[in-house]
Every structure is written in C-alpha cells, then in structure tokens.
Amino acid sequence: MPPTSQPNALRNATFATLSGHAVTKEAKGLLADVYARVVADQLEHEETNRNPRKLRSAVDAFLADLLIAQSGDEPREWVYRAMNPRGFTGALVGYRVFLKVVASSKREHEVASLAVHDSLIVPQSMIDIAEAVLCERFESLVNAKPQLVSHPKRAQPSME
C-alpha cells in the first residue's frame, strides 16, 4: 500500500470514542506502562491527581482508540476528538481528565494534537486575514492545506 499523504491521513482520521479498554494481557501491560508515565508526568508538572481511577480510565480509553486506529488492513495515522467540553457531557471520559492525558502525551512524547473547533467568528472585514492566518498556521503544523468554509453574514432584511 502506498504511503498516505498527510492531507488524506487527516481526512481519514478515526474518531476517538474514548469508550474502549484494554482486553489482552499485552494491552493491559501497555496500559500499565503508559498510565505510570502519565502519573509521573502529572506529578512532575505539579498537577493533582485527585481521582486516579478516572485518569486510568481516560488513558485506557485513549490508548484503545490509538491501537484500534492502527489495526486492520488500512491503519490510520491519526485519531481525532473535538475538544469542546460539551462533547464530553455524559461520556465515559470527562473533558478535564482527557485534557490531562493529552497534555502529558504532548510533553512526554511530543504527540501532535490539534484542537477541533466548530467555528471562528470574525468581523466580515477580517475574513480574508483570518483565513490567511489559519491556513498559514495549520500548514506550518501539519504540512497540509486546510479546507476552510466561510459563511459571511448575509444582510438582514429591513423591517421598514
């Protein structure tokens, strides 16, 4: 199979459901190792770990998503998860604890993670500048052009 281009790798990313967990002996061993590293990172950066069970569940679920993305005939290079706190409401893994896992993975292993936002609101006069800045920053991070969609505010009908 030819190597996947970066833009396609991002488009084909697997959604991180954060609902899986380690099942095999090997996966549980990997989980123990990764969890120990996350805890050590949290302690080094003076982060409190008030609920180790939640942290372990978050590491377990994220690790499951990463492993699942690498399985099958067409392994995925990326996983994604929208980082809007509302997207975690009622989920097995909470927003705050997941942020800790993401922060540790960045510090410990320089794992790239890109925030996914629903929208960006700018004055209509600044649309071109905002698009240029977003494209430039995105390209510098992942070496791919983003697909931006602008929806300029339409003039409201007069009530006269």
C-alpha atoms as a PDB file:
ATOM      1  CA  MET A   1       0.000   0.000   0.000  1.00  0.00           C
ATOM      2  CA  PRO A   2       1.490   3.421  -0.919  1.00  0.00           C
ATOM      3  CA  PRO A   3       2.149   5.839   1.946  1.00  0.00           C
ATOM      4  CA  THR A   4      -0.812   8.009   2.800  1.00  0.00           C
ATOM      5  CA  SER A   5      -0.398  11.694   2.053  1.00  0.00           C
ATOM      6  CA  GLN A   6      -0.721  13.986   5.052  1.00  0.00           C
ATOM      7  CA  PRO A   7      -3.998  15.661   3.926  1.00  0.00           C
ATOM      8  CA  ASN A   8      -5.615  12.264   3.323  1.00  0.00           C
ATOM      9  CA  ALA A   9      -4.287  10.966   6.627  1.00  0.00           C
ATOM     10  CA  LEU A  10      -6.043  13.807   8.416  1.00  0.00           C
ATOM     11  CA  ARG A  11      -9.256  13.388   6.423  1.00  0.00           C
ATOM     12  CA  ASN A  12      -9.246   9.647   7.128  1.00  0.00           C
ATOM     13  CA  ALA A  13      -8.574  10.015  10.842  1.00  0.00           C
ATOM     14  CA  THR A  14     -10.515   7.751  13.188  1.00  0.00           C
ATOM     15  CA  PHE A  15     -12.828   9.333  15.762  1.00  0.00           C
ATOM     16  CA  ALA A  16     -11.617   8.750  19.321  1.00  0.00           C
ATOM     17  CA  THR A  17     -14.739   7.442  21.044  1.00  0.00           C
ATOM     18  CA  LEU A  18     -12.963   7.130  24.398  1.00  0.00           C
ATOM     19  CA  SER A  19     -15.113   4.119  25.174  1.00  0.00           C
ATOM     20  CA  GLY A  20     -12.691   1.211  24.711  1.00  0.00           C
ATOM     21  CA  HIS A  21     -10.425  -0.531  27.179  1.00  0.00           C
ATOM     22  CA  ALA A  22      -7.542  -2.977  27.308  1.00  0.00           C
ATOM     23  CA  VAL A  23      -8.573  -6.610  26.968  1.00  0.00           C
ATOM     24  CA  THR A  24      -5.495  -8.664  26.188  1.00  0.00           C
ATOM     25  CA  LYS A  25      -2.610  -9.307  28.558  1.00  0.00           C
ATOM     26  CA  GLU A  26      -0.306  -7.322  26.256  1.00  0.00           C
ATOM     27  CA  ALA A  27      -2.682  -4.352  26.058  1.00  0.00           C
ATOM     28  CA  LYS A  28      -3.064  -4.337  29.846  1.00  0.00           C
ATOM     29  CA  GLY A  29       0.731  -4.323  30.208  1.00  0.00           C
ATOM     30  CA  LEU A  30       0.986  -1.414  27.785  1.00  0.00           C
ATOM     31  CA  LEU A  31      -1.755   0.393  29.696  1.00  0.00           C
ATOM     32  CA  ALA A  32       0.114  -0.052  32.996  1.00  0.00           C
ATOM     33  CA  ASP A  33       3.283   1.380  31.439  1.00  0.00           C
ATOM     34  CA  VAL A  34       1.573   4.346  29.763  1.00  0.00           C
ATOM     35  CA  TYR A  35      -0.510   5.100  32.867  1.00  0.00           C
ATOM     36  CA  ALA A  36       2.644   5.098  35.049  1.00  0.00           C
ATOM     37  CA  ARG A  37       4.251   7.579  32.638  1.00  0.00           C
ATOM     38  CA  VAL A  38       1.200   9.855  32.680  1.00  0.00           C
ATOM     39  CA  VAL A  39       1.112   9.812  36.500  1.00  0.00           C
ATOM     40  CA  ALA A  40       4.847  10.586  36.666  1.00  0.00           C
ATOM     41  CA  ASP A  41       4.362  13.446  34.201  1.00  0.00           C
ATOM     42  CA  GLN A  42       1.446  14.808  36.216  1.00  0.00           C
ATOM     43  CA  LEU A  43       3.485  14.752  39.421  1.00  0.00           C
ATOM     44  CA  GLU A  44       6.469  16.407  37.713  1.00  0.00           C
ATOM     45  CA  HIS A  45       4.278  19.241  36.484  1.00  0.00           C
ATOM     46  CA  GLU A  46       2.569  19.672  39.865  1.00  0.00           C
ATOM     47  CA  GLU A  47      -0.792  18.528  38.633  1.00  0.00           C
ATOM     48  CA  THR A  48      -3.027  16.984  41.223  1.00  0.00           C
ATOM     49  CA  ASN A  49      -4.413  13.543  40.657  1.00  0.00           C
ATOM     50  CA  ARG A  50      -7.499  13.558  42.822  1.00  0.00           C
ATOM     51  CA  ASN A  51      -9.100  10.646  41.062  1.00  0.00           C
ATOM     52  CA  PRO A  52      -6.581   8.076  39.799  1.00  0.00           C
ATOM     53  CA  ARG A  53      -9.417   5.788  38.637  1.00  0.00           C
ATOM     54  CA  LYS A  54     -10.703   8.438  36.208  1.00  0.00           C
ATOM     55  CA  LEU A  55      -7.201   9.150  34.940  1.00  0.00           C
ATOM     56  CA  ARG A  56      -6.532   5.446  34.383  1.00  0.00           C
ATOM     57  CA  SER A  57      -9.873   5.070  32.556  1.00  0.00           C
ATOM     58  CA  ALA A  58      -9.026   8.038  30.314  1.00  0.00           C
ATOM     59  CA  VAL A  59      -5.582   6.609  29.472  1.00  0.00           C
ATOM     60  CA  ASP A  60      -7.165   3.193  28.873  1.00  0.00           C
ATOM     61  CA  ALA A  61      -9.832   4.583  26.545  1.00  0.00           C
ATOM     62  CA  PHE A  62      -7.459   6.825  24.575  1.00  0.00           C
ATOM     63  CA  LEU A  63      -4.898   4.040  24.224  1.00  0.00           C
ATOM     64  CA  ALA A  64      -7.655   1.729  22.937  1.00  0.00           C
ATOM     65  CA  ASP A  65      -8.577   4.308  20.284  1.00  0.00           C
ATOM     66  CA  LEU A  66      -4.936   4.683  19.239  1.00  0.00           C
ATOM     67  CA  LEU A  67      -4.485   0.906  18.972  1.00  0.00           C
ATOM     68  CA  ILE A  68      -7.757   0.398  17.096  1.00  0.00           C
ATOM     69  CA  ALA A  69      -6.737   3.095  14.598  1.00  0.00           C
ATOM     70  CA  GLN A  70      -3.586   1.088  13.861  1.00  0.00           C
ATOM     71  CA  SER A  71      -5.387  -2.205  13.312  1.00  0.00           C
ATOM     72  CA  GLY A  72      -6.966  -3.710  10.225  1.00  0.00           C
ATOM     73  CA  ASP A  73      -5.988  -3.633   6.572  1.00  0.00           C
ATOM     74  CA  GLU A  74      -5.847   0.173   6.418  1.00  0.00           C
ATOM     75  CA  PRO A  75      -4.265   1.530   9.594  1.00  0.00           C
ATOM     76  CA  ARG A  76      -4.949   5.189  10.313  1.00  0.00           C
ATOM     77  CA  GLU A  77      -2.169   7.610  11.180  1.00  0.00           C
ATOM     78  CA  TRP A  78      -4.358   9.969  13.187  1.00  0.00           C
ATOM     79  CA  VAL A  79      -7.254   9.887  15.607  1.00  0.00           C
ATOM     80  CA  TYR A  80      -9.343  12.933  16.385  1.00  0.00           C
ATOM     81  CA  ARG A  81     -11.625  14.183  19.113  1.00  0.00           C
ATOM     82  CA  ALA A  82     -13.391  17.543  19.171  1.00  0.00           C
ATOM     83  CA  MET A  83     -12.139  19.409  22.222  1.00  0.00           C
ATOM     84  CA  ASN A  84     -15.387  21.171  23.021  1.00  0.00           C
ATOM     85  CA  PRO A  85     -16.280  20.480  26.675  1.00  0.00           C
ATOM     86  CA  ARG A  86     -19.926  19.911  25.686  1.00  0.00           C
ATOM     87  CA  GLY A  87     -18.819  16.949  23.566  1.00  0.00           C
ATOM     88  CA  PHE A  88     -17.813  15.140  26.758  1.00  0.00           C
ATOM     89  CA  THR A  89     -21.110  15.604  28.596  1.00  0.00           C
ATOM     90  CA  GLY A  90     -22.348  12.197  29.719  1.00  0.00           C
ATOM     91  CA  ALA A  91     -19.292  10.477  28.205  1.00  0.00           C
ATOM     92  CA  LEU A  92     -17.288   7.760  29.953  1.00  0.00           C
ATOM     93  CA  VAL A  93     -14.233  10.052  29.949  1.00  0.00           C
ATOM     94  CA  GLY A  94     -14.604  13.636  31.126  1.00  0.00           C
ATOM     95  CA  TYR A  95     -13.200  16.723  29.456  1.00  0.00           C
ATOM     96  CA  ARG A  96     -10.813  17.778  32.250  1.00  0.00           C
ATOM     97  CA  VAL A  97      -9.243  14.376  32.734  1.00  0.00           C
ATOM     98  CA  PHE A  98      -8.846  13.920  28.978  1.00  0.00           C
ATOM     99  CA  LEU A  99      -7.031  17.276  28.807  1.00  0.00           C
ATOM    100  CA  LYS A 100      -4.544  15.889  31.339  1.00  0.00           C
ATOM    101  CA  VAL A 101      -3.896  12.829  29.179  1.00  0.00           C
ATOM    102  CA  VAL A 102      -3.439  14.983  26.066  1.00  0.00           C
ATOM    103  CA  ALA A 103      -1.098  17.389  27.896  1.00  0.00           C
ATOM    104  CA  SER A 104       1.014  14.502  29.181  1.00  0.00           C
ATOM    105  CA  SER A 105       1.240  12.918  25.738  1.00  0.00           C
ATOM    106  CA  LYS A 106       2.423  16.228  24.306  1.00  0.00           C
ATOM    107  CA  ARG A 107       5.069  16.728  26.985  1.00  0.00           C
ATOM    108  CA  GLU A 108       6.247  13.130  27.259  1.00  0.00           C
ATOM    109  CA  HIS A 109       6.260  12.106  23.606  1.00  0.00           C
ATOM    110  CA  GLU A 110       5.710  15.295  21.613  1.00  0.00           C
ATOM    111  CA  VAL A 111       2.471  13.817  20.267  1.00  0.00           C
ATOM    112  CA  ALA A 112       0.817  16.291  17.925  1.00  0.00           C
ATOM    113  CA  SER A 113      -2.734  17.180  18.800  1.00  0.00           C
ATOM    114  CA  LEU A 114      -4.816  19.749  17.033  1.00  0.00           C
ATOM    115  CA  ALA A 115      -7.855  21.326  18.644  1.00  0.00           C
ATOM    116  CA  VAL A 116     -11.029  20.989  16.620  1.00  0.00           C
ATOM    117  CA  HIS A 117     -13.430  23.886  16.911  1.00  0.00           C
ATOM    118  CA  ASP A 118     -16.899  24.325  15.491  1.00  0.00           C
ATOM    119  CA  SER A 119     -16.342  27.810  14.151  1.00  0.00           C
ATOM    120  CA  LEU A 120     -14.448  31.059  14.216  1.00  0.00           C
ATOM    121  CA  ILE A 121     -16.343  34.316  14.263  1.00  0.00           C
ATOM    122  CA  VAL A 122     -14.594  37.406  12.918  1.00  0.00           C
ATOM    123  CA  PRO A 123     -15.832  40.719  11.539  1.00  0.00           C
ATOM    124  CA  GLN A 124     -16.743  40.409   7.881  1.00  0.00           C
ATOM    125  CA  SER A 125     -13.979  42.866   7.011  1.00  0.00           C
ATOM    126  CA  MET A 126     -11.408  40.453   8.503  1.00  0.00           C
ATOM    127  CA  ILE A 127     -12.443  37.197   6.779  1.00  0.00           C
ATOM    128  CA  ASP A 128      -9.520  37.218   4.328  1.00  0.00           C
ATOM    129  CA  ILE A 129      -6.981  37.920   7.084  1.00  0.00           C
ATOM    130  CA  ALA A 130      -8.451  35.239   9.384  1.00  0.00           C
ATOM    131  CA  GLU A 131      -8.396  32.649   6.586  1.00  0.00           C
ATOM    132  CA  ALA A 132      -4.800  33.504   5.679  1.00  0.00           C
ATOM    133  CA  VAL A 133      -3.622  33.253   9.304  1.00  0.00           C
ATOM    134  CA  LEU A 134      -5.485  29.975   9.927  1.00  0.00           C
ATOM    135  CA  CYS A 135      -4.182  28.418   6.713  1.00  0.00           C
ATOM    136  CA  GLU A 136      -0.618  29.507   7.405  1.00  0.00           C
ATOM    137  CA  ARG A 137      -0.662  28.173  10.978  1.00  0.00           C
ATOM    138  CA  PHE A 138      -2.340  24.896  10.013  1.00  0.00           C
ATOM    139  CA  GLU A 139       0.101  24.297   7.157  1.00  0.00           C
ATOM    140  CA  SER A 140       3.063  25.000   9.441  1.00  0.00           C
ATOM    141  CA  LEU A 141       1.816  22.344  11.866  1.00  0.00           C
ATOM    142  CA  VAL A 142       0.782  19.517   9.546  1.00  0.00           C
ATOM    143  CA  ASN A 143       2.178  20.429   6.142  1.00  0.00           C
ATOM    144  CA  ALA A 144      -1.256  20.310   4.529  1.00  0.00           C
ATOM    145  CA  LYS A 145      -3.757  22.886   3.308  1.00  0.00           C
ATOM    146  CA  PRO A 146      -6.962  23.052   5.375  1.00  0.00           C
ATOM    147  CA  GLN A 147     -10.395  23.136   3.794  1.00  0.00           C
ATOM    148  CA  LEU A 148     -11.983  26.298   5.165  1.00  0.00           C
ATOM    149  CA  VAL A 149     -15.559  27.318   4.527  1.00  0.00           C
ATOM    150  CA  SER A 150     -16.550  30.944   5.013  1.00  0.00           C
ATOM    151  CA  HIS A 151     -20.117  31.913   5.702  1.00  0.00           C
ATOM    152  CA  PRO A 152     -20.212  35.698   5.612  1.00  0.00           C
ATOM    153  CA  LYS A 153     -23.185  37.158   7.422  1.00  0.00           C
ATOM    154  CA  ARG A 154     -25.950  37.863   4.989  1.00  0.00           C
ATOM    155  CA  ALA A 155     -27.617  41.245   5.132  1.00  0.00           C
ATOM    156  CA  GLN A 156     -30.741  41.148   7.263  1.00  0.00           C
ATOM    157  CA  PRO A 157     -33.927  42.308   5.545  1.00  0.00           C
ATOM    158  CA  SER A 158     -35.063  45.753   6.596  1.00  0.00           C
ATOM    159  CA  MET A 159     -38.145  45.884   8.808  1.00  0.00           C
ATOM    160  CA  GLU A 160     -39.209  49.323   7.488  1.00  0.00           C
END
